[in-house]
Amino acid sequence: MARALRCEHYNSAVTVTASAPTRVDLAGGTIDIWPLYLFHPGAQTLNAAISLRARVRLDARADDRVVLVSDDLSRSTAPLAFDDLPHDTTLPLLAKLAHAYGARGVTIATSSQAPAGAGIAGSSALNIAVAAALTRWTGRALDDEALLEVARNVEAQVIGVPTGLQDYRPALYGGVAAIELGVHGAWRVPLAVDPAELSDRLVVCYTGAPRQSGINNWEITKRHIDGDGKVIRAFDDIVAATRAMRAALGAGDWAGAGQCLASEWHTRKQLAPGVTTPEIDALLAVGIAAGAWAGKVCGAGGGGCVFVLAPPAATGAVRQAWTSAGATVLDAVVDPTGVVVTEEP
């Protein structure tokens, strides 16, 4: 259970800034939602933090009010009383985080390099950045797992459905990792994958259509809990493909990792009709025709970003083919650095 947080900022003369990376889920997504992973031994997700970061700046105010600003969404609030924060609908994630941390007398301004609804855990990265900044602002001593728990619980309040466990850890720690899942919870295992080598083989694009992760994930979760045999068998196959990809990455077998990615994506599309769309299928086909080994949608699907793994010699052709197809290729590389918090006088 998250501990109560102190209701005051610790130094009104200090500006606190923070940033955290987004992520690409290489394999094993969705199964990180409780309790799905409890029914599949060996469940894990593989992800890589990427350099599209979410950012936040906390500045002191002369009163006890809280002002919330989202630069990329072009939204802001009037000065809010502390007791009004839980009811704000303009920027509910920021409002609920500020209330959870007892923040007063502060302007919280955020921005993100990730497109809205991209499926690369932009909201989770923003969540971790804001939570880390507020932890510093309030002088609260929270370890990483306690900070993660606050962030996860607040996000569930905002989206109204259970959240997964993988997305907060790339934001916290950066790099490439497996998130192993079981009866003892979730734990992160860094993978011995050279970020530069993965970056040389990774191409990410935005389809132009946002997605709503909660809709797809909740439908899949309900079907699993209701005993849908097709969904249960699909998750068994996803676990197997994820384990095989982890072994291939560990061996430096990039073509093998591509084959595992293709297998994972083939199975993932069976989870729910909304996981893929004709536009997503067409973009992946274009990428593969340009030389990629395989690809998949990021996050829960239905829109957002897609990525491929490709031989380094083919990534330029993939980028050009996607640009010609009308997609937006993102300037993203693997980011070895997790959340960073700084103070300014």
Protein backbone atom coordinates (compact mmCIF):
# COMPACT_ATOMS: atom_id res chain seq x y z
CA MET A 1 0.00 0.00 0.00
CA ALA A 2 1.31 3.43 -0.90
CA ARG A 3 2.23 5.52 2.11
CA ALA A 4 0.64 8.89 2.86
CA LEU A 5 2.50 11.78 1.29
CA ARG A 6 3.44 15.01 3.01
CA CYS A 7 1.25 17.95 2.05
CA GLU A 8 3.76 20.74 1.45
CA HIS A 9 6.52 21.69 -0.92
CA TYR A 10 9.93 21.75 0.66
CA ASN A 11 11.60 24.75 -0.97
CA SER A 12 9.63 27.40 -2.80
CA ALA A 13 12.84 28.95 -4.18
CA VAL A 14 13.66 25.87 -6.23
CA THR A 15 12.48 24.88 -9.70
CA VAL A 16 12.34 21.13 -10.25
CA THR A 17 12.47 19.59 -13.71
CA ALA A 18 12.27 15.95 -14.75
CA SER A 19 12.15 13.87 -17.90
CA ALA A 20 11.55 10.19 -18.62
CA PRO A 21 11.78 8.07 -21.78
CA THR A 22 8.94 6.36 -23.58
CA ARG A 23 9.28 2.76 -24.77
CA VAL A 24 8.80 0.20 -27.52
CA ASP A 25 7.28 -3.07 -26.29
CA LEU A 26 9.25 -5.68 -28.20
CA ALA A 27 7.15 -8.66 -27.13
CA GLY A 28 4.83 -9.89 -24.41
CA GLY A 29 2.60 -6.87 -23.90
CA THR A 30 -0.89 -7.00 -22.36
CA ILE A 31 -0.04 -10.08 -20.29
CA ASP A 32 1.47 -7.65 -17.77
CA ILE A 33 -2.05 -6.68 -16.64
CA TRP A 34 -3.02 -8.30 -13.34
CA PRO A 35 -4.11 -11.09 -13.04
CA LEU A 36 -3.40 -12.37 -16.58
CA TYR A 37 0.25 -13.20 -15.97
CA LEU A 38 -0.67 -15.44 -13.02
CA PHE A 39 -2.21 -17.94 -15.44
CA HIS A 40 0.79 -18.26 -17.77
CA PRO A 41 4.03 -19.62 -16.26
CA GLY A 42 7.09 -17.83 -17.54
CA ALA A 43 5.14 -14.68 -18.43
CA GLN A 44 7.33 -11.71 -19.22
CA THR A 45 7.49 -8.64 -21.41
CA LEU A 46 10.48 -7.30 -23.30
CA ASN A 47 10.83 -3.57 -23.85
CA ALA A 48 13.31 -0.89 -24.80
CA ALA A 49 13.25 2.71 -23.61
CA ILE A 50 13.44 5.17 -26.49
CA SER A 51 14.64 8.73 -26.72
CA LEU A 52 11.24 10.42 -27.12
CA ARG A 53 10.90 11.82 -23.62
CA ALA A 54 8.16 13.31 -21.49
CA ARG A 55 9.14 16.42 -19.52
CA VAL A 56 7.83 18.40 -16.57
CA ARG A 57 8.77 21.65 -14.85
CA LEU A 58 7.60 22.64 -11.35
CA ASP A 59 7.75 26.34 -10.43
CA ALA A 60 6.72 27.87 -7.13
CA ARG A 61 3.75 30.23 -6.91
CA ALA A 62 3.16 33.02 -4.43
CA ASP A 63 -0.08 31.42 -3.21
CA ASP A 64 -1.22 27.90 -2.31
CA ARG A 65 -2.96 27.28 -5.62
CA VAL A 66 -1.95 24.76 -8.27
CA VAL A 67 -1.83 25.55 -11.99
CA LEU A 68 -1.58 22.74 -14.53
CA VAL A 69 -0.24 23.26 -18.05
CA SER A 70 0.22 20.82 -20.94
CA ASP A 71 2.23 22.45 -23.71
CA ASP A 72 1.77 19.71 -26.29
CA LEU A 73 -1.98 19.46 -25.68
CA SER A 74 -2.38 23.27 -25.48
CA ARG A 75 -4.41 22.94 -22.28
CA SER A 76 -4.15 24.69 -18.95
CA THR A 77 -6.20 25.26 -15.83
CA ALA A 78 -7.05 28.29 -13.79
CA PRO A 79 -5.38 28.32 -10.35
CA LEU A 80 -6.94 25.39 -8.48
CA ALA A 81 -7.49 24.98 -4.76
CA PHE A 82 -5.97 21.80 -3.38
CA ASP A 83 -9.38 20.25 -2.62
CA ASP A 84 -10.51 20.85 -6.23
CA LEU A 85 -7.67 18.85 -7.77
CA PRO A 86 -9.38 15.40 -7.70
CA HIS A 87 -12.30 16.81 -9.70
CA ASP A 88 -10.34 18.51 -12.49
CA THR A 89 -11.15 17.14 -15.93
CA THR A 90 -8.90 19.41 -17.98
CA LEU A 91 -5.68 17.57 -17.13
CA PRO A 92 -6.84 14.79 -14.81
CA LEU A 93 -3.57 12.84 -14.61
CA LEU A 94 -1.63 15.92 -13.49
CA ALA A 95 -4.40 16.96 -11.11
CA LYS A 96 -4.62 13.58 -9.42
CA LEU A 97 -0.84 13.28 -9.13
CA ALA A 98 -0.60 16.75 -7.58
CA HIS A 99 -3.31 15.82 -5.09
CA ALA A 100 -1.72 12.45 -4.28
CA TYR A 101 1.54 14.20 -3.42
CA GLY A 102 -0.10 17.00 -1.49
CA ALA A 103 1.35 19.64 -3.78
CA ARG A 104 0.44 23.27 -3.13
CA GLY A 105 1.72 26.58 -4.44
CA VAL A 106 3.11 25.22 -7.69
CA THR A 107 2.74 25.44 -11.46
CA ILE A 108 3.17 22.06 -13.13
CA ALA A 109 3.97 22.39 -16.85
CA THR A 110 4.47 19.34 -19.05
CA SER A 111 5.41 18.48 -22.62
CA SER A 112 6.01 15.27 -24.52
CA GLN A 113 7.92 14.36 -27.65
CA ALA A 114 5.59 11.41 -28.25
CA PRO A 115 2.47 11.90 -30.40
CA ALA A 116 -0.80 11.63 -28.50
CA GLY A 117 -2.12 8.07 -28.46
CA ALA A 118 1.12 6.72 -29.95
CA GLY A 119 1.15 3.47 -27.98
CA ILE A 120 4.71 4.04 -26.75
CA ALA A 121 3.69 4.64 -23.13
CA GLY A 122 3.80 8.42 -23.32
CA SER A 123 1.31 8.77 -20.48
CA SER A 124 3.33 6.40 -18.30
CA ALA A 125 6.55 8.28 -19.04
CA LEU A 126 4.83 11.56 -18.20
CA ASN A 127 3.40 9.96 -15.07
CA ILE A 128 6.84 8.83 -13.88
CA ALA A 129 8.45 12.18 -14.69
CA VAL A 130 5.77 14.11 -12.80
CA ALA A 131 5.79 11.66 -9.87
CA ALA A 132 9.58 11.88 -9.62
CA ALA A 133 9.50 15.68 -9.76
CA LEU A 134 6.77 15.86 -7.12
CA THR A 135 8.69 13.42 -4.93
CA ARG A 136 11.64 15.81 -5.01
CA TRP A 137 9.42 18.90 -4.65
CA THR A 138 7.64 17.61 -1.56
CA GLY A 139 10.82 16.24 0.00
CA ARG A 140 9.28 12.79 0.17
CA ALA A 141 11.71 9.85 0.34
CA LEU A 142 10.12 7.26 -1.96
CA ASP A 143 12.04 4.36 -3.44
CA ASP A 144 11.47 3.43 -7.07
CA GLU A 145 8.83 0.78 -6.39
CA ALA A 146 6.83 3.07 -4.09
CA LEU A 147 6.96 5.85 -6.68
CA LEU A 148 5.87 3.36 -9.35
CA GLU A 149 2.92 2.24 -7.24
CA VAL A 150 1.63 5.78 -6.84
CA ALA A 151 1.99 6.39 -10.59
CA ARG A 152 0.25 3.15 -11.53
CA ASN A 153 -2.65 3.67 -9.13
CA VAL A 154 -3.24 7.24 -10.23
CA GLU A 155 -3.23 6.25 -13.91
CA ALA A 156 -5.80 3.54 -13.20
CA GLN A 157 -8.00 6.19 -11.58
CA VAL A 158 -7.75 8.33 -14.72
CA ILE A 159 -8.36 5.68 -17.40
CA GLY A 160 -10.89 3.71 -15.35
CA VAL A 161 -9.44 0.25 -16.05
CA PRO A 162 -6.48 -1.78 -14.75
CA THR A 163 -3.04 -0.74 -15.97
CA GLY A 164 -0.15 -2.95 -17.01
CA LEU A 165 3.07 -3.31 -15.07
CA GLN A 166 5.68 -2.92 -17.79
CA ASP A 167 5.36 0.68 -18.96
CA TYR A 168 6.61 2.45 -15.84
CA ARG A 169 9.90 0.58 -15.65
CA PRO A 170 11.41 1.74 -18.96
CA ALA A 171 10.57 5.28 -17.85
CA LEU A 172 12.22 4.71 -14.47
CA TYR A 173 15.33 2.86 -15.60
CA GLY A 174 15.85 3.22 -19.36
CA GLY A 175 17.66 0.61 -21.43
CA VAL A 176 16.51 -2.79 -22.64
CA ALA A 177 14.95 -5.18 -20.15
CA ALA A 178 12.67 -8.08 -19.45
CA ILE A 179 9.87 -7.58 -16.96
CA GLU A 180 9.33 -10.97 -15.37
CA LEU A 181 5.87 -11.58 -13.93
CA GLY A 182 4.59 -14.05 -11.37
CA VAL A 183 3.06 -14.61 -7.96
CA HIS A 184 5.76 -12.47 -6.33
CA GLY A 185 4.88 -9.53 -8.58
CA ALA A 186 6.95 -7.94 -11.32
CA TRP A 187 10.67 -7.45 -11.43
CA ARG A 188 12.97 -5.95 -14.01
CA VAL A 189 15.92 -7.87 -15.45
CA PRO A 190 18.28 -5.77 -17.62
CA LEU A 191 19.18 -7.50 -20.88
CA ALA A 192 22.72 -7.56 -22.26
CA VAL A 193 21.68 -5.84 -25.48
CA ASP A 194 23.85 -3.05 -26.87
CA PRO A 195 21.53 -0.03 -27.21
CA ALA A 196 23.41 1.14 -30.31
CA GLU A 197 23.02 -2.23 -32.02
CA LEU A 198 19.28 -2.31 -31.36
CA SER A 199 18.96 1.33 -32.47
CA ASP A 200 20.66 0.45 -35.76
CA ARG A 201 17.92 -2.11 -36.43
CA LEU A 202 14.87 -0.30 -35.09
CA VAL A 203 12.53 1.95 -37.07
CA VAL A 204 9.41 3.47 -35.50
CA CYS A 205 6.64 5.38 -37.24
CA TYR A 206 3.36 7.01 -36.23
CA THR A 207 0.34 5.94 -38.22
CA GLY A 208 -1.43 9.25 -37.72
CA ALA A 209 -4.31 7.59 -35.87
CA PRO A 210 -4.27 7.59 -32.03
CA ARG A 211 -5.38 4.53 -30.07
CA GLN A 212 -7.11 3.99 -26.74
CA SER A 213 -5.17 1.28 -24.92
CA GLY A 214 -7.73 0.82 -22.18
CA ILE A 215 -10.43 -0.28 -24.64
CA ASN A 216 -8.50 -3.11 -26.29
CA ASN A 217 -6.72 -4.26 -23.15
CA TRP A 218 -9.85 -4.34 -21.02
CA GLU A 219 -11.76 -6.31 -23.66
CA ILE A 220 -8.94 -8.85 -23.87
CA THR A 221 -8.69 -9.07 -20.07
CA LYS A 222 -12.43 -9.71 -19.72
CA ARG A 223 -12.37 -12.39 -22.40
CA HIS A 224 -9.46 -14.16 -20.67
CA ILE A 225 -11.13 -14.04 -17.24
CA ASP A 226 -14.35 -15.34 -18.82
CA GLY A 227 -12.40 -18.39 -20.01
CA ASP A 228 -12.15 -17.64 -23.74
CA GLY A 229 -10.00 -20.53 -24.95
CA LYS A 230 -8.78 -18.68 -28.04
CA VAL A 231 -7.43 -15.81 -25.95
CA ILE A 232 -5.85 -18.15 -23.39
CA ARG A 233 -4.08 -20.19 -26.09
CA ALA A 234 -2.93 -16.98 -27.77
CA PHE A 235 -1.29 -15.80 -24.56
CA ASP A 236 0.47 -19.16 -24.18
CA ASP A 237 1.90 -18.66 -27.67
CA ILE A 238 2.85 -15.06 -26.91
CA VAL A 239 4.76 -16.21 -23.82
CA ALA A 240 6.62 -18.77 -25.93
CA ALA A 241 7.49 -16.20 -28.62
CA THR A 242 8.67 -13.72 -25.98
CA ARG A 243 10.93 -16.25 -24.32
CA ALA A 244 12.38 -17.19 -27.71
CA MET A 245 12.99 -13.52 -28.56
CA ARG A 246 14.79 -12.99 -25.26
CA ALA A 247 17.10 -15.90 -26.07
CA ALA A 248 17.73 -14.58 -29.58
CA LEU A 249 18.54 -11.09 -28.31
CA GLY A 250 20.91 -12.56 -25.73
CA ALA A 251 22.71 -14.48 -28.47
CA GLY A 252 22.92 -11.48 -30.79
CA ASP A 253 20.75 -13.33 -33.31
CA TRP A 254 18.94 -10.35 -34.80
CA ALA A 255 17.33 -12.26 -37.66
CA GLY A 256 16.08 -14.80 -35.12
CA ALA A 257 14.68 -11.98 -32.99
CA GLY A 258 12.87 -10.77 -36.11
CA GLN A 259 11.32 -14.20 -36.60
CA CYS A 260 10.12 -14.18 -32.99
CA LEU A 261 8.67 -10.71 -33.52
CA ALA A 262 6.74 -11.98 -36.53
CA SER A 263 5.40 -14.91 -34.50
CA GLU A 264 4.37 -12.68 -31.60
CA TRP A 265 2.55 -10.27 -33.89
CA HIS A 266 0.77 -13.08 -35.78
CA THR A 267 -0.55 -14.38 -32.47
CA ARG A 268 -1.32 -10.96 -30.97
CA LYS A 269 -3.72 -10.16 -33.79
CA GLN A 270 -5.85 -13.08 -32.61
CA LEU A 271 -6.50 -11.51 -29.20
CA ALA A 272 -9.16 -9.04 -30.38
CA PRO A 273 -10.39 -7.55 -33.67
CA GLY A 274 -9.29 -4.07 -32.62
CA VAL A 275 -5.58 -4.89 -32.26
CA THR A 276 -4.84 -4.22 -35.92
CA THR A 277 -6.40 -2.17 -38.70
CA PRO A 278 -6.04 -2.23 -42.49
CA GLU A 279 -3.78 0.83 -42.21
CA ILE A 280 -1.50 -0.88 -39.69
CA ASP A 281 -1.33 -4.05 -41.79
CA ALA A 282 -0.52 -1.99 -44.88
CA LEU A 283 2.30 -0.06 -43.16
CA LEU A 284 3.87 -3.25 -41.82
CA ALA A 285 3.66 -4.81 -45.27
CA VAL A 286 5.39 -1.75 -46.74
CA GLY A 287 8.17 -2.01 -44.14
CA ILE A 288 8.73 -5.69 -44.77
CA ALA A 289 8.74 -5.17 -48.54
CA ALA A 290 11.47 -2.57 -47.98
CA GLY A 291 13.67 -5.14 -46.24
CA ALA A 292 12.54 -5.39 -42.60
CA TRP A 293 12.46 -8.78 -40.90
CA ALA A 294 9.17 -8.17 -39.10
CA GLY A 295 7.18 -5.61 -37.13
CA LYS A 296 4.21 -5.05 -34.88
CA VAL A 297 2.02 -2.36 -33.46
CA CYS A 298 3.16 -0.59 -30.30
CA GLY A 299 1.01 -0.98 -27.20
CA ALA A 300 -2.58 -2.20 -27.42
CA GLY A 301 -3.02 -1.49 -31.11
CA GLY A 302 -5.87 -0.05 -33.12
CA GLY A 303 -3.66 2.91 -34.07
CA GLY A 304 -0.64 4.69 -32.69
CA CYS A 305 2.86 3.61 -33.66
CA VAL A 306 4.28 0.58 -35.40
CA PHE A 307 7.89 -0.53 -35.47
CA VAL A 308 10.05 -2.98 -37.36
CA LEU A 309 13.32 -4.73 -36.81
CA ALA A 310 15.44 -4.63 -39.94
CA PRO A 311 19.04 -5.23 -41.03
CA PRO A 312 20.98 -1.97 -40.63
CA ALA A 313 21.43 -1.77 -44.40
CA ALA A 314 17.64 -1.78 -44.87
CA THR A 315 16.53 0.82 -42.31
CA GLY A 316 16.97 3.73 -44.70
CA ALA A 317 14.75 2.05 -47.27
CA VAL A 318 12.13 1.34 -44.59
CA ARG A 319 12.10 4.99 -43.50
CA GLN A 320 11.73 6.16 -47.09
CA ALA A 321 8.98 3.66 -47.85
CA TRP A 322 7.00 4.65 -44.77
CA THR A 323 7.39 8.35 -45.51
CA SER A 324 6.15 7.75 -49.04
CA ALA A 325 3.18 5.86 -47.59
CA GLY A 326 2.18 8.91 -45.54
CA ALA A 327 3.41 7.77 -42.12
CA THR A 328 5.54 9.91 -39.81
CA VAL A 329 8.90 8.27 -39.09
CA LEU A 330 9.99 9.12 -35.56
CA ASP A 331 13.56 10.05 -34.68
CA ALA A 332 13.87 7.49 -31.90
CA VAL A 333 16.85 5.50 -30.64
CA VAL A 334 17.22 3.28 -27.60
CA ASP A 335 17.69 5.43 -24.50
CA PRO A 336 19.88 3.90 -21.78
CA THR A 337 18.88 6.59 -19.25
CA GLY A 338 15.71 6.48 -17.19
CA VAL A 339 14.04 9.31 -15.33
CA VAL A 340 16.26 12.32 -14.60
CA VAL A 341 15.37 14.94 -11.96
CA THR A 342 17.19 18.27 -11.58
CA GLU A 343 16.85 21.37 -9.43
CA GLU A 344 17.42 24.97 -10.40
CA PRO A 345 17.65 27.99 -8.07
